[in-house]
Amino acid sequence: MNSQSTIYSKLMFKTIIICSLLLLALPSKCFGIYLDNAEHKDLKENASTLLKETTPPHKDVKRLNSSELITCSIDKFGIRFLCDPHWDIQDIDDNIFVTISKTPSVILTFAKIDSKIAFSQQISLEFLKQRNLYSDGFKMEDVKFAGKNAIKVKAFSKTEPNMRRSDYFLINDSSLYGILFSVYPKESWEDFKFIIKTVEDSIFFIEKSDPENRKE
């Protein structure tokens, strides 16, 4: 038994020495260890590039139920609408941007437009063309929106052809407003049309006679 133990100990010692030498000389082939040398760095970068090229973009699509929404207010414009409390709302250059989704990009914009237009009937095809927002062939129609007479525009963005837009222009309290929805890329419109329609239908302006808007 002692003789066998001695032989076994010698074999184990030799095995440890040989593997240690291999680990020092050939780190990429012993125990699966890889050093970050130039060769393997290139392999990592190539693999990363390949992953970016073959992985489809993540779609942050959220299906909302009405029970998940709350009433949000844009006090400076006197507007209320249904929203998800997790949506990001920013005031930039007096425009209010509501980020419904980041990837794909779905943005609701509330804009008060500096214009002499006082009636929705003055919002003409020529006026919209001058704003330089839409690619050729956009469609406009008279609709009721937020309790007002409005012009609805269905279009693709002039500067970003892969962006689909659904915009409303209307007069409230003698001021022209744009309430604008954009989806990028345009192929994602179907995924978000329910959310957009839900928000569209909920938008309204607070009337000065509204009891909730009176000061005691």
N, C-alpha and C. Protein backbone atom coordinates (compact mmCIF):
# COMPACT_ATOMS: atom_id res chain seq x y z
N MET A 1 0.83 -1.20 0.00
CA MET A 1 0.00 0.00 0.00
C MET A 1 0.87 1.25 0.00
N ASN A 2 1.95 1.28 0.83
CA ASN A 2 2.84 2.42 0.89
C ASN A 2 3.52 2.65 -0.44
N SER A 3 3.89 1.54 -1.11
CA SER A 3 4.55 1.64 -2.41
C SER A 3 3.62 2.25 -3.44
N GLN A 4 2.35 1.84 -3.42
CA GLN A 4 1.37 2.38 -4.37
C GLN A 4 1.13 3.86 -4.10
N SER A 5 1.10 4.26 -2.85
CA SER A 5 0.89 5.66 -2.49
C SER A 5 2.04 6.52 -2.98
N THR A 6 3.26 5.99 -2.85
CA THR A 6 4.44 6.72 -3.31
C THR A 6 4.39 6.95 -4.81
N ILE A 7 4.05 5.87 -5.55
CA ILE A 7 3.96 5.98 -7.02
C ILE A 7 2.89 6.99 -7.41
N TYR A 8 1.73 6.92 -6.73
CA TYR A 8 0.63 7.82 -7.03
C TYR A 8 1.02 9.27 -6.76
N SER A 9 1.75 9.51 -5.66
CA SER A 9 2.19 10.87 -5.32
C SER A 9 3.13 11.42 -6.37
N LYS A 10 4.06 10.57 -6.86
CA LYS A 10 5.00 11.01 -7.90
C LYS A 10 4.27 11.37 -9.18
N LEU A 11 3.28 10.54 -9.55
CA LEU A 11 2.51 10.82 -10.76
C LEU A 11 1.75 12.15 -10.64
N MET A 12 1.16 12.37 -9.48
CA MET A 12 0.42 13.61 -9.27
C MET A 12 1.34 14.81 -9.34
N PHE A 13 2.55 14.67 -8.76
CA PHE A 13 3.51 15.76 -8.77
C PHE A 13 3.92 16.11 -10.20
N LYS A 14 4.20 15.05 -11.02
CA LYS A 14 4.59 15.27 -12.41
C LYS A 14 3.45 15.92 -13.20
N THR A 15 2.23 15.48 -12.93
CA THR A 15 1.07 16.05 -13.63
C THR A 15 0.92 17.53 -13.35
N ILE A 16 1.10 17.89 -12.06
CA ILE A 16 0.98 19.30 -11.67
C ILE A 16 2.05 20.14 -12.35
N ILE A 17 3.30 19.63 -12.38
CA ILE A 17 4.41 20.35 -13.00
C ILE A 17 4.15 20.56 -14.49
N ILE A 18 3.72 19.48 -15.18
CA ILE A 18 3.50 19.56 -16.63
C ILE A 18 2.39 20.56 -16.95
N CYS A 19 1.30 20.50 -16.19
CA CYS A 19 0.17 21.40 -16.44
C CYS A 19 0.56 22.85 -16.14
N SER A 20 1.39 23.04 -15.11
CA SER A 20 1.84 24.39 -14.78
C SER A 20 2.68 24.97 -15.92
N LEU A 21 3.55 24.12 -16.50
CA LEU A 21 4.36 24.57 -17.63
C LEU A 21 3.47 24.92 -18.83
N LEU A 22 2.47 24.07 -19.08
CA LEU A 22 1.55 24.35 -20.19
C LEU A 22 0.77 25.64 -19.96
N LEU A 23 0.38 25.88 -18.71
CA LEU A 23 -0.36 27.08 -18.38
C LEU A 23 0.45 28.34 -18.66
N LEU A 24 1.77 28.27 -18.38
CA LEU A 24 2.65 29.41 -18.62
C LEU A 24 2.96 29.60 -20.10
N ALA A 25 3.16 28.47 -20.79
CA ALA A 25 3.59 28.54 -22.19
C ALA A 25 2.42 28.67 -23.15
N LEU A 26 1.30 28.01 -22.86
CA LEU A 26 0.17 27.98 -23.78
C LEU A 26 -1.12 28.29 -23.02
N PRO A 27 -1.27 29.52 -22.59
CA PRO A 27 -2.44 29.84 -21.77
C PRO A 27 -3.75 29.67 -22.50
N SER A 28 -3.74 29.75 -23.83
CA SER A 28 -4.99 29.64 -24.57
C SER A 28 -5.44 28.20 -24.72
N LYS A 29 -4.61 27.21 -24.34
CA LYS A 29 -4.97 25.82 -24.55
C LYS A 29 -5.04 25.02 -23.26
N CYS A 30 -4.81 25.67 -22.17
CA CYS A 30 -4.84 24.95 -20.90
C CYS A 30 -5.99 25.45 -20.05
N PHE A 31 -6.90 24.58 -19.73
CA PHE A 31 -8.05 24.90 -18.89
C PHE A 31 -8.97 25.96 -19.51
N GLY A 32 -8.90 26.16 -20.83
CA GLY A 32 -9.80 27.10 -21.50
C GLY A 32 -9.54 28.55 -21.17
N ILE A 33 -8.36 28.92 -20.75
CA ILE A 33 -8.04 30.30 -20.40
C ILE A 33 -7.54 31.04 -21.63
N TYR A 34 -8.08 32.27 -21.86
CA TYR A 34 -7.65 33.07 -23.00
C TYR A 34 -7.13 34.41 -22.52
N LEU A 35 -5.97 34.79 -23.01
CA LEU A 35 -5.42 36.10 -22.68
C LEU A 35 -5.96 37.13 -23.66
N ASP A 36 -5.99 38.40 -23.21
CA ASP A 36 -6.50 39.46 -24.05
C ASP A 36 -5.39 40.00 -24.94
N ASN A 37 -4.74 39.10 -25.73
CA ASN A 37 -3.70 39.55 -26.63
C ASN A 37 -4.33 40.06 -27.92
N ALA A 38 -3.51 40.53 -28.86
CA ALA A 38 -4.01 41.15 -30.08
C ALA A 38 -4.90 40.21 -30.87
N GLU A 39 -4.48 38.94 -30.98
CA GLU A 39 -5.22 37.97 -31.78
C GLU A 39 -6.62 37.77 -31.23
N HIS A 40 -6.72 37.56 -29.91
CA HIS A 40 -8.00 37.29 -29.32
C HIS A 40 -8.84 38.55 -29.19
N LYS A 41 -8.18 39.71 -29.09
CA LYS A 41 -8.92 40.96 -29.06
C LYS A 41 -9.65 41.17 -30.37
N ASP A 42 -8.97 40.86 -31.49
CA ASP A 42 -9.61 40.97 -32.80
C ASP A 42 -10.81 40.06 -32.90
N LEU A 43 -10.64 38.84 -32.34
CA LEU A 43 -11.75 37.88 -32.39
C LEU A 43 -12.94 38.42 -31.61
N LYS A 44 -12.68 39.03 -30.45
CA LYS A 44 -13.75 39.59 -29.65
C LYS A 44 -14.46 40.71 -30.38
N GLU A 45 -13.66 41.61 -31.02
CA GLU A 45 -14.26 42.74 -31.72
C GLU A 45 -15.09 42.27 -32.90
N ASN A 46 -14.57 41.27 -33.64
CA ASN A 46 -15.31 40.74 -34.78
C ASN A 46 -16.62 40.10 -34.34
N ALA A 47 -16.56 39.38 -33.23
CA ALA A 47 -17.76 38.73 -32.71
C ALA A 47 -18.78 39.77 -32.28
N SER A 48 -18.29 40.87 -31.66
CA SER A 48 -19.18 41.92 -31.22
C SER A 48 -19.85 42.59 -32.40
N THR A 49 -19.07 42.84 -33.46
CA THR A 49 -19.62 43.45 -34.67
C THR A 49 -20.66 42.55 -35.30
N LEU A 50 -20.35 41.27 -35.37
CA LEU A 50 -21.28 40.31 -35.96
C LEU A 50 -22.58 40.27 -35.16
N LEU A 51 -22.47 40.35 -33.83
CA LEU A 51 -23.65 40.31 -32.98
C LEU A 51 -24.54 41.51 -33.25
N LYS A 52 -23.91 42.70 -33.41
CA LYS A 52 -24.68 43.90 -33.68
C LYS A 52 -25.39 43.81 -35.02
N GLU A 53 -24.73 43.20 -36.00
CA GLU A 53 -25.29 43.12 -37.34
C GLU A 53 -26.42 42.10 -37.45
N THR A 54 -26.36 41.06 -36.63
CA THR A 54 -27.33 39.98 -36.78
C THR A 54 -28.46 40.03 -35.77
N THR A 55 -28.29 40.79 -34.68
CA THR A 55 -29.32 40.86 -33.66
C THR A 55 -30.35 41.91 -34.03
N PRO A 56 -31.63 41.55 -34.14
CA PRO A 56 -32.66 42.55 -34.48
C PRO A 56 -32.82 43.55 -33.36
N PRO A 57 -33.20 44.80 -33.68
CA PRO A 57 -33.36 45.81 -32.64
C PRO A 57 -34.44 45.41 -31.65
N HIS A 58 -34.17 45.70 -30.38
CA HIS A 58 -35.13 45.38 -29.33
C HIS A 58 -36.37 46.25 -29.49
N LYS A 59 -37.54 45.66 -29.37
CA LYS A 59 -38.78 46.41 -29.48
C LYS A 59 -39.42 46.50 -28.11
N ASP A 60 -39.43 47.72 -27.60
CA ASP A 60 -39.99 47.98 -26.28
C ASP A 60 -41.49 48.25 -26.43
N VAL A 61 -42.25 47.21 -26.73
CA VAL A 61 -43.67 47.36 -26.99
C VAL A 61 -44.45 47.01 -25.73
N LYS A 62 -45.23 47.95 -25.25
CA LYS A 62 -46.01 47.72 -24.04
C LYS A 62 -47.49 47.81 -24.38
N ARG A 63 -48.22 46.77 -24.06
CA ARG A 63 -49.67 46.76 -24.27
C ARG A 63 -50.33 47.34 -23.02
N LEU A 64 -51.03 48.43 -23.20
CA LEU A 64 -51.62 49.10 -22.05
C LEU A 64 -53.12 48.83 -21.97
N ASN A 65 -53.60 48.70 -20.75
CA ASN A 65 -55.02 48.68 -20.48
C ASN A 65 -55.40 50.04 -19.91
N SER A 66 -56.64 50.45 -20.11
CA SER A 66 -57.08 51.76 -19.62
C SER A 66 -56.88 51.89 -18.12
N SER A 67 -56.98 50.76 -17.41
CA SER A 67 -56.85 50.79 -15.95
C SER A 67 -55.42 51.13 -15.51
N GLU A 68 -54.45 51.00 -16.41
CA GLU A 68 -53.05 51.30 -16.08
C GLU A 68 -52.72 52.77 -16.26
N LEU A 69 -53.63 53.55 -16.85
CA LEU A 69 -53.35 54.93 -17.18
C LEU A 69 -53.86 55.88 -16.12
N ILE A 70 -53.20 57.02 -16.04
CA ILE A 70 -53.62 58.09 -15.13
C ILE A 70 -53.85 59.35 -15.96
N THR A 71 -54.43 60.37 -15.35
CA THR A 71 -54.62 61.65 -16.04
C THR A 71 -53.40 62.53 -15.80
N CYS A 72 -52.80 62.97 -16.89
CA CYS A 72 -51.66 63.89 -16.81
C CYS A 72 -52.12 65.27 -17.28
N SER A 73 -51.49 66.31 -16.75
CA SER A 73 -51.85 67.68 -17.10
C SER A 73 -50.64 68.44 -17.62
N ILE A 74 -50.85 69.19 -18.70
CA ILE A 74 -49.86 70.15 -19.18
C ILE A 74 -50.43 71.52 -18.82
N ASP A 75 -50.08 72.01 -17.64
CA ASP A 75 -50.72 73.21 -17.11
C ASP A 75 -50.49 74.44 -17.99
N LYS A 76 -49.30 74.56 -18.56
CA LYS A 76 -48.99 75.76 -19.34
C LYS A 76 -49.86 75.88 -20.58
N PHE A 77 -50.37 74.72 -21.09
CA PHE A 77 -51.26 74.73 -22.25
C PHE A 77 -52.71 74.43 -21.87
N GLY A 78 -52.94 74.11 -20.61
CA GLY A 78 -54.29 73.78 -20.18
C GLY A 78 -54.81 72.50 -20.81
N ILE A 79 -53.95 71.48 -20.92
CA ILE A 79 -54.30 70.23 -21.58
C ILE A 79 -54.23 69.07 -20.59
N ARG A 80 -55.18 68.17 -20.70
CA ARG A 80 -55.16 66.93 -19.92
C ARG A 80 -55.28 65.75 -20.88
N PHE A 81 -54.66 64.63 -20.48
CA PHE A 81 -54.71 63.43 -21.31
C PHE A 81 -54.35 62.23 -20.47
N LEU A 82 -54.70 61.04 -20.96
CA LEU A 82 -54.33 59.80 -20.27
C LEU A 82 -52.89 59.45 -20.60
N CYS A 83 -52.17 59.00 -19.57
CA CYS A 83 -50.77 58.63 -19.80
C CYS A 83 -50.35 57.54 -18.83
N ASP A 84 -49.26 56.89 -19.18
CA ASP A 84 -48.61 55.94 -18.27
C ASP A 84 -47.71 56.75 -17.34
N PRO A 85 -47.77 56.55 -16.04
CA PRO A 85 -46.95 57.34 -15.13
C PRO A 85 -45.45 57.16 -15.34
N HIS A 86 -45.05 56.14 -16.10
CA HIS A 86 -43.63 55.92 -16.34
C HIS A 86 -43.13 56.63 -17.60
N TRP A 87 -44.01 57.22 -18.37
CA TRP A 87 -43.57 57.95 -19.56
C TRP A 87 -42.77 59.19 -19.15
N ASP A 88 -41.76 59.48 -19.92
CA ASP A 88 -40.92 60.65 -19.65
C ASP A 88 -41.56 61.88 -20.30
N ILE A 89 -41.75 62.95 -19.54
CA ILE A 89 -42.35 64.19 -20.05
C ILE A 89 -41.34 65.32 -19.85
N GLN A 90 -40.99 66.01 -20.97
CA GLN A 90 -39.98 67.06 -20.91
C GLN A 90 -40.51 68.33 -21.56
N ASP A 91 -40.13 69.47 -20.99
CA ASP A 91 -40.44 70.79 -21.55
C ASP A 91 -39.16 71.32 -22.19
N ILE A 92 -39.12 71.37 -23.51
CA ILE A 92 -37.93 71.83 -24.23
C ILE A 92 -38.36 72.93 -25.19
N ASP A 93 -37.81 74.13 -25.00
CA ASP A 93 -38.13 75.28 -25.87
C ASP A 93 -39.63 75.50 -25.98
N ASP A 94 -40.32 75.37 -24.83
CA ASP A 94 -41.76 75.59 -24.76
C ASP A 94 -42.58 74.55 -25.52
N ASN A 95 -41.97 73.47 -25.96
CA ASN A 95 -42.70 72.32 -26.49
C ASN A 95 -42.65 71.20 -25.45
N ILE A 96 -43.75 70.49 -25.31
CA ILE A 96 -43.81 69.39 -24.35
C ILE A 96 -43.66 68.08 -25.11
N PHE A 97 -42.65 67.29 -24.74
CA PHE A 97 -42.38 66.02 -25.40
C PHE A 97 -42.69 64.87 -24.43
N VAL A 98 -43.58 63.99 -24.85
CA VAL A 98 -43.96 62.83 -24.06
C VAL A 98 -43.40 61.59 -24.75
N THR A 99 -42.45 60.92 -24.09
CA THR A 99 -41.84 59.72 -24.68
C THR A 99 -42.66 58.51 -24.29
N ILE A 100 -43.45 58.02 -25.23
CA ILE A 100 -44.27 56.83 -25.00
C ILE A 100 -43.41 55.57 -25.05
N SER A 101 -42.44 55.57 -25.95
CA SER A 101 -41.50 54.45 -26.08
C SER A 101 -40.18 55.00 -26.60
N LYS A 102 -39.08 54.42 -26.11
CA LYS A 102 -37.76 54.83 -26.59
C LYS A 102 -37.29 53.99 -27.77
N THR A 103 -37.57 52.68 -27.71
CA THR A 103 -37.16 51.77 -28.78
C THR A 103 -38.28 50.80 -29.07
N PRO A 104 -38.98 50.97 -30.19
CA PRO A 104 -38.84 52.04 -31.16
C PRO A 104 -39.27 53.39 -30.58
N SER A 105 -38.97 54.46 -31.30
CA SER A 105 -39.27 55.80 -30.80
C SER A 105 -40.72 56.16 -31.09
N VAL A 106 -41.47 56.43 -30.02
CA VAL A 106 -42.85 56.90 -30.15
C VAL A 106 -42.98 58.15 -29.29
N ILE A 107 -43.20 59.29 -29.93
CA ILE A 107 -43.20 60.57 -29.24
C ILE A 107 -44.50 61.31 -29.48
N LEU A 108 -45.06 61.86 -28.41
CA LEU A 108 -46.19 62.77 -28.48
C LEU A 108 -45.67 64.17 -28.15
N THR A 109 -45.97 65.13 -29.02
CA THR A 109 -45.50 66.50 -28.82
C THR A 109 -46.70 67.44 -28.73
N PHE A 110 -46.68 68.31 -27.71
CA PHE A 110 -47.65 69.40 -27.60
C PHE A 110 -46.91 70.69 -27.91
N ALA A 111 -47.37 71.42 -28.93
CA ALA A 111 -46.68 72.64 -29.33
C ALA A 111 -47.67 73.79 -29.51
N LYS A 112 -47.35 74.93 -28.94
CA LYS A 112 -48.11 76.16 -29.18
C LYS A 112 -47.37 76.91 -30.27
N ILE A 113 -48.05 77.13 -31.39
CA ILE A 113 -47.39 77.63 -32.60
C ILE A 113 -47.64 79.13 -32.74
N ASP A 114 -46.54 79.86 -32.95
CA ASP A 114 -46.63 81.30 -33.17
C ASP A 114 -47.16 81.55 -34.58
N SER A 115 -48.40 81.96 -34.68
CA SER A 115 -49.03 82.14 -35.99
C SER A 115 -50.19 83.12 -35.87
N LYS A 116 -50.51 83.75 -36.99
CA LYS A 116 -51.65 84.68 -37.04
C LYS A 116 -52.95 83.95 -37.33
N ILE A 117 -52.87 82.65 -37.53
CA ILE A 117 -54.08 81.86 -37.80
C ILE A 117 -54.99 81.89 -36.58
N ALA A 118 -56.27 82.23 -36.84
CA ALA A 118 -57.23 82.33 -35.74
C ALA A 118 -58.37 81.32 -35.86
N PHE A 119 -58.49 80.68 -37.03
CA PHE A 119 -59.57 79.72 -37.25
C PHE A 119 -58.99 78.47 -37.91
N SER A 120 -59.55 77.31 -37.58
CA SER A 120 -59.03 76.06 -38.14
C SER A 120 -59.14 76.03 -39.66
N GLN A 121 -60.14 76.77 -40.23
CA GLN A 121 -60.30 76.80 -41.68
C GLN A 121 -59.11 77.45 -42.39
N GLN A 122 -58.32 78.20 -41.63
CA GLN A 122 -57.15 78.87 -42.22
C GLN A 122 -55.93 77.94 -42.31
N ILE A 123 -56.04 76.77 -41.69
CA ILE A 123 -54.92 75.80 -41.74
C ILE A 123 -55.00 75.09 -43.09
N SER A 124 -54.32 75.63 -44.05
CA SER A 124 -54.44 75.18 -45.44
C SER A 124 -53.31 74.24 -45.82
N LEU A 125 -53.46 73.64 -47.02
CA LEU A 125 -52.40 72.80 -47.56
C LEU A 125 -51.11 73.61 -47.72
N GLU A 126 -51.25 74.84 -48.17
CA GLU A 126 -50.08 75.70 -48.37
C GLU A 126 -49.39 76.00 -47.04
N PHE A 127 -50.20 76.24 -46.00
CA PHE A 127 -49.62 76.51 -44.67
C PHE A 127 -48.80 75.32 -44.19
N LEU A 128 -49.33 74.11 -44.37
CA LEU A 128 -48.64 72.91 -43.92
C LEU A 128 -47.37 72.67 -44.74
N LYS A 129 -47.43 72.93 -46.03
CA LYS A 129 -46.23 72.77 -46.87
C LYS A 129 -45.13 73.72 -46.43
N GLN A 130 -45.51 74.93 -46.04
CA GLN A 130 -44.52 75.92 -45.61
C GLN A 130 -43.83 75.52 -44.32
N ARG A 131 -44.48 74.70 -43.53
CA ARG A 131 -43.86 74.25 -42.29
C ARG A 131 -42.76 73.23 -42.54
N ASN A 132 -42.75 72.66 -43.75
CA ASN A 132 -41.64 71.79 -44.18
C ASN A 132 -41.46 70.57 -43.27
N LEU A 133 -42.59 70.01 -42.83
CA LEU A 133 -42.54 68.87 -41.91
C LEU A 133 -42.69 67.53 -42.62
N TYR A 134 -43.40 67.53 -43.74
CA TYR A 134 -43.85 66.27 -44.31
C TYR A 134 -43.29 66.03 -45.71
N SER A 135 -43.11 64.75 -46.02
CA SER A 135 -42.72 64.38 -47.37
C SER A 135 -43.91 64.57 -48.30
N ASP A 136 -43.68 64.60 -49.59
CA ASP A 136 -44.75 64.83 -50.56
C ASP A 136 -45.81 63.75 -50.46
N GLY A 137 -47.06 64.15 -50.73
CA GLY A 137 -48.14 63.19 -50.72
C GLY A 137 -48.85 63.03 -49.39
N PHE A 138 -48.59 63.92 -48.42
CA PHE A 138 -49.27 63.80 -47.13
C PHE A 138 -50.77 64.10 -47.30
N LYS A 139 -51.56 63.55 -46.39
CA LYS A 139 -53.01 63.71 -46.47
C LYS A 139 -53.51 64.54 -45.28
N MET A 140 -54.50 65.38 -45.55
CA MET A 140 -55.10 66.19 -44.49
C MET A 140 -56.62 66.08 -44.57
N GLU A 141 -57.25 66.15 -43.39
CA GLU A 141 -58.72 66.07 -43.35
C GLU A 141 -59.26 66.85 -42.17
N ASP A 142 -60.51 67.32 -42.30
CA ASP A 142 -61.19 68.01 -41.21
C ASP A 142 -61.73 66.98 -40.23
N VAL A 143 -61.43 67.17 -38.95
CA VAL A 143 -61.90 66.22 -37.91
C VAL A 143 -62.30 67.00 -36.66
N LYS A 144 -62.93 66.29 -35.74
CA LYS A 144 -63.15 66.80 -34.39
C LYS A 144 -62.08 66.17 -33.50
N PHE A 145 -61.35 66.99 -32.78
CA PHE A 145 -60.27 66.48 -31.94
C PHE A 145 -60.18 67.33 -30.68
N ALA A 146 -60.10 66.68 -29.54
CA ALA A 146 -60.03 67.38 -28.24
C ALA A 146 -61.21 68.35 -28.09
N GLY A 147 -62.35 68.00 -28.68
CA GLY A 147 -63.53 68.84 -28.57
C GLY A 147 -63.50 70.06 -29.47
N LYS A 148 -62.54 70.11 -30.39
CA LYS A 148 -62.38 71.27 -31.27
C LYS A 148 -62.43 70.84 -32.74
N ASN A 149 -62.72 71.81 -33.60
CA ASN A 149 -62.53 71.58 -35.03
C ASN A 149 -61.03 71.56 -35.28
N ALA A 150 -60.54 70.57 -36.01
CA ALA A 150 -59.10 70.41 -36.19
C ALA A 150 -58.79 69.89 -37.59
N ILE A 151 -57.53 70.02 -37.96
CA ILE A 151 -57.01 69.44 -39.19
C ILE A 151 -56.10 68.29 -38.80
N LYS A 152 -56.39 67.11 -39.34
CA LYS A 152 -55.53 65.95 -39.09
C LYS A 152 -54.64 65.72 -40.30
N VAL A 153 -53.37 65.45 -40.05
CA VAL A 153 -52.41 65.18 -41.12
C VAL A 153 -51.83 63.78 -40.94
N LYS A 154 -51.93 62.98 -41.99
CA LYS A 154 -51.28 61.66 -42.03
C LYS A 154 -50.11 61.78 -42.99
N ALA A 155 -48.91 61.47 -42.51
CA ALA A 155 -47.74 61.76 -43.33
C ALA A 155 -46.53 60.95 -42.89
N PHE A 156 -45.49 61.06 -43.71
CA PHE A 156 -44.16 60.61 -43.34
C PHE A 156 -43.28 61.85 -43.21
N SER A 157 -42.34 61.80 -42.31
CA SER A 157 -41.48 62.95 -42.06
C SER A 157 -40.62 63.28 -43.27
N LYS A 158 -40.48 64.56 -43.53
CA LYS A 158 -39.64 64.98 -44.66
C LYS A 158 -38.17 64.75 -44.37
N THR A 159 -37.75 65.01 -43.15
CA THR A 159 -36.33 64.85 -42.80
C THR A 159 -35.98 63.42 -42.44
N GLU A 160 -36.99 62.61 -42.04
CA GLU A 160 -36.74 61.22 -41.63
C GLU A 160 -37.81 60.35 -42.28
N PRO A 161 -37.59 59.93 -43.55
CA PRO A 161 -38.63 59.22 -44.31
C PRO A 161 -39.13 57.95 -43.64
N ASN A 162 -38.36 57.38 -42.73
CA ASN A 162 -38.78 56.15 -42.07
C ASN A 162 -39.60 56.44 -40.80
N MET A 163 -40.01 57.69 -40.64
CA MET A 163 -40.84 58.08 -39.50
C MET A 163 -42.27 58.36 -39.97
N ARG A 164 -43.23 57.74 -39.32
CA ARG A 164 -44.64 57.99 -39.64
C ARG A 164 -45.21 58.98 -38.65
N ARG A 165 -46.08 59.87 -39.15
CA ARG A 165 -46.64 60.91 -38.30
C ARG A 165 -48.16 60.96 -38.40
N SER A 166 -48.78 61.33 -37.29
CA SER A 166 -50.21 61.59 -37.24
C SER A 166 -50.37 62.85 -36.40
N ASP A 167 -50.65 63.97 -37.06
CA ASP A 167 -50.61 65.27 -36.39
C ASP A 167 -51.97 65.96 -36.44
N TYR A 168 -52.25 66.75 -35.41
CA TYR A 168 -53.49 67.52 -35.33
C TYR A 168 -53.15 68.99 -35.10
N PHE A 169 -53.84 69.87 -35.84
CA PHE A 169 -53.68 71.30 -35.67
C PHE A 169 -55.05 71.89 -35.37
N LEU A 170 -55.10 72.72 -34.32
CA LEU A 170 -56.39 73.27 -33.90
C LEU A 170 -56.19 74.60 -33.19
N ILE A 171 -57.32 75.31 -33.03
CA ILE A 171 -57.31 76.59 -32.33
C ILE A 171 -57.96 76.42 -30.97
N ASN A 172 -57.29 76.92 -29.93
CA ASN A 172 -57.89 76.97 -28.60
C ASN A 172 -57.55 78.32 -27.97
N ASP A 173 -58.59 79.01 -27.52
CA ASP A 173 -58.40 80.31 -26.87
C ASP A 173 -57.55 81.24 -27.75
N SER A 174 -57.90 81.26 -29.05
CA SER A 174 -57.27 82.14 -30.05
C SER A 174 -55.81 81.81 -30.34
N SER A 175 -55.35 80.65 -29.93
CA SER A 175 -53.97 80.24 -30.21
C SER A 175 -53.96 78.94 -31.02
N LEU A 176 -52.96 78.82 -31.90
CA LEU A 176 -52.82 77.62 -32.72
C LEU A 176 -51.95 76.60 -31.99
N TYR A 177 -52.46 75.37 -31.91
CA TYR A 177 -51.73 74.28 -31.27
C TYR A 177 -51.48 73.15 -32.26
N GLY A 178 -50.35 72.49 -32.09
CA GLY A 178 -50.07 71.25 -32.79
C GLY A 178 -49.95 70.13 -31.77
N ILE A 179 -50.69 69.06 -31.99
CA ILE A 179 -50.59 67.87 -31.13
C ILE A 179 -50.13 66.75 -32.05
N LEU A 180 -48.90 66.33 -31.89
CA LEU A 180 -48.19 65.58 -32.92
C LEU A 180 -47.71 64.22 -32.41
N PHE A 181 -48.01 63.18 -33.16
CA PHE A 181 -47.54 61.83 -32.83
C PHE A 181 -46.56 61.37 -33.90
N SER A 182 -45.44 60.80 -33.47
CA SER A 182 -44.47 60.26 -34.42
C SER A 182 -44.02 58.87 -33.97
N VAL A 183 -43.80 57.99 -34.96
CA VAL A 183 -43.33 56.63 -34.68
C VAL A 183 -42.16 56.34 -35.62
N TYR A 184 -41.05 55.90 -35.02
CA TYR A 184 -39.85 55.55 -35.80
C TYR A 184 -39.27 54.24 -35.27
N PRO A 185 -39.09 53.24 -36.16
CA PRO A 185 -39.37 53.25 -37.59
C PRO A 185 -40.86 53.08 -37.88
N LYS A 186 -41.25 53.43 -39.08
CA LYS A 186 -42.67 53.45 -39.45
C LYS A 186 -43.32 52.08 -39.35
N GLU A 187 -42.51 51.01 -39.50
CA GLU A 187 -43.05 49.65 -39.42
C GLU A 187 -43.63 49.32 -38.04
N SER A 188 -43.27 50.12 -37.03
CA SER A 188 -43.74 49.87 -35.67
C SER A 188 -45.10 50.51 -35.39
N TRP A 189 -45.66 51.20 -36.37
CA TRP A 189 -46.93 51.88 -36.15
C TRP A 189 -48.01 50.92 -35.67
N GLU A 190 -48.09 49.75 -36.30
CA GLU A 190 -49.13 48.79 -35.94
C GLU A 190 -49.04 48.36 -34.48
N ASP A 191 -47.82 48.30 -33.95
CA ASP A 191 -47.63 47.88 -32.56
C ASP A 191 -48.14 48.92 -31.57
N PHE A 192 -48.21 50.18 -32.00
CA PHE A 192 -48.53 51.26 -31.07
C PHE A 192 -49.83 51.98 -31.40
N LYS A 193 -50.53 51.56 -32.45
CA LYS A 193 -51.72 52.30 -32.85
C LYS A 193 -52.80 52.29 -31.77
N PHE A 194 -52.88 51.20 -30.98
CA PHE A 194 -53.87 51.16 -29.90
C PHE A 194 -53.55 52.20 -28.84
N ILE A 195 -52.27 52.29 -28.44
CA ILE A 195 -51.87 53.27 -27.43
C ILE A 195 -52.12 54.69 -27.94
N ILE A 196 -51.73 54.94 -29.20
CA ILE A 196 -51.91 56.27 -29.78
C ILE A 196 -53.39 56.65 -29.81
N LYS A 197 -54.24 55.71 -30.25
CA LYS A 197 -55.67 55.99 -30.32
C LYS A 197 -56.24 56.27 -28.93
N THR A 198 -55.79 55.51 -27.94
CA THR A 198 -56.27 55.72 -26.57
C THR A 198 -55.91 57.11 -26.07
N VAL A 199 -54.67 57.53 -26.31
CA VAL A 199 -54.23 58.86 -25.88
C VAL A 199 -54.95 59.95 -26.68
N GLU A 200 -55.06 59.77 -27.99
CA GLU A 200 -55.77 60.74 -28.84
C GLU A 200 -57.18 61.02 -28.30
N ASP A 201 -57.90 59.96 -28.02
CA ASP A 201 -59.29 60.09 -27.58
C ASP A 201 -59.43 60.74 -26.21
N SER A 202 -58.34 60.74 -25.44
CA SER A 202 -58.42 61.26 -24.07
C SER A 202 -58.04 62.73 -23.95
N ILE A 203 -57.44 63.31 -25.00
CA ILE A 203 -56.92 64.68 -24.91
C ILE A 203 -58.06 65.70 -24.89
N PHE A 204 -57.99 66.64 -23.96
CA PHE A 204 -58.95 67.74 -23.96
C PHE A 204 -58.32 68.97 -23.31
N PHE A 205 -58.87 70.12 -23.66
CA PHE A 205 -58.44 71.39 -23.09
C PHE A 205 -59.33 71.74 -21.91
N ILE A 206 -58.72 72.25 -20.85
CA ILE A 206 -59.46 72.67 -19.67
C ILE A 206 -60.08 74.03 -19.97
N GLU A 207 -61.39 74.09 -19.95
CA GLU A 207 -62.07 75.36 -20.19
C GLU A 207 -61.96 76.27 -18.97
N LYS A 208 -61.95 77.54 -19.21
CA LYS A 208 -61.81 78.49 -18.11
C LYS A 208 -62.96 78.38 -17.12
N SER A 209 -64.09 77.90 -17.61
CA SER A 209 -65.24 77.75 -16.73
C SER A 209 -65.24 76.43 -15.97
N ASP A 210 -64.23 75.58 -16.25
CA ASP A 210 -64.14 74.28 -15.59
C ASP A 210 -63.96 74.48 -14.09
N PRO A 211 -64.87 73.95 -13.24
CA PRO A 211 -64.74 74.16 -11.78
C PRO A 211 -63.39 73.76 -11.23
N GLU A 212 -62.76 72.73 -11.81
CA GLU A 212 -61.46 72.30 -11.31
C GLU A 212 -60.37 73.31 -11.62
N ASN A 213 -60.66 74.21 -12.57
CA ASN A 213 -59.64 75.18 -12.99
C ASN A 213 -59.85 76.55 -12.35
N ARG A 214 -60.92 76.69 -11.57
CA ARG A 214 -61.17 77.96 -10.91
C ARG A 214 -60.32 78.12 -9.65
N LYS A 215 -59.99 79.35 -9.37
CA LYS A 215 -59.28 79.66 -8.12
C LYS A 215 -60.32 80.05 -7.08
N GLU A 216 -60.17 79.49 -5.92
CA GLU A 216 -61.12 79.78 -4.84
C GLU A 216 -60.90 81.20 -4.32
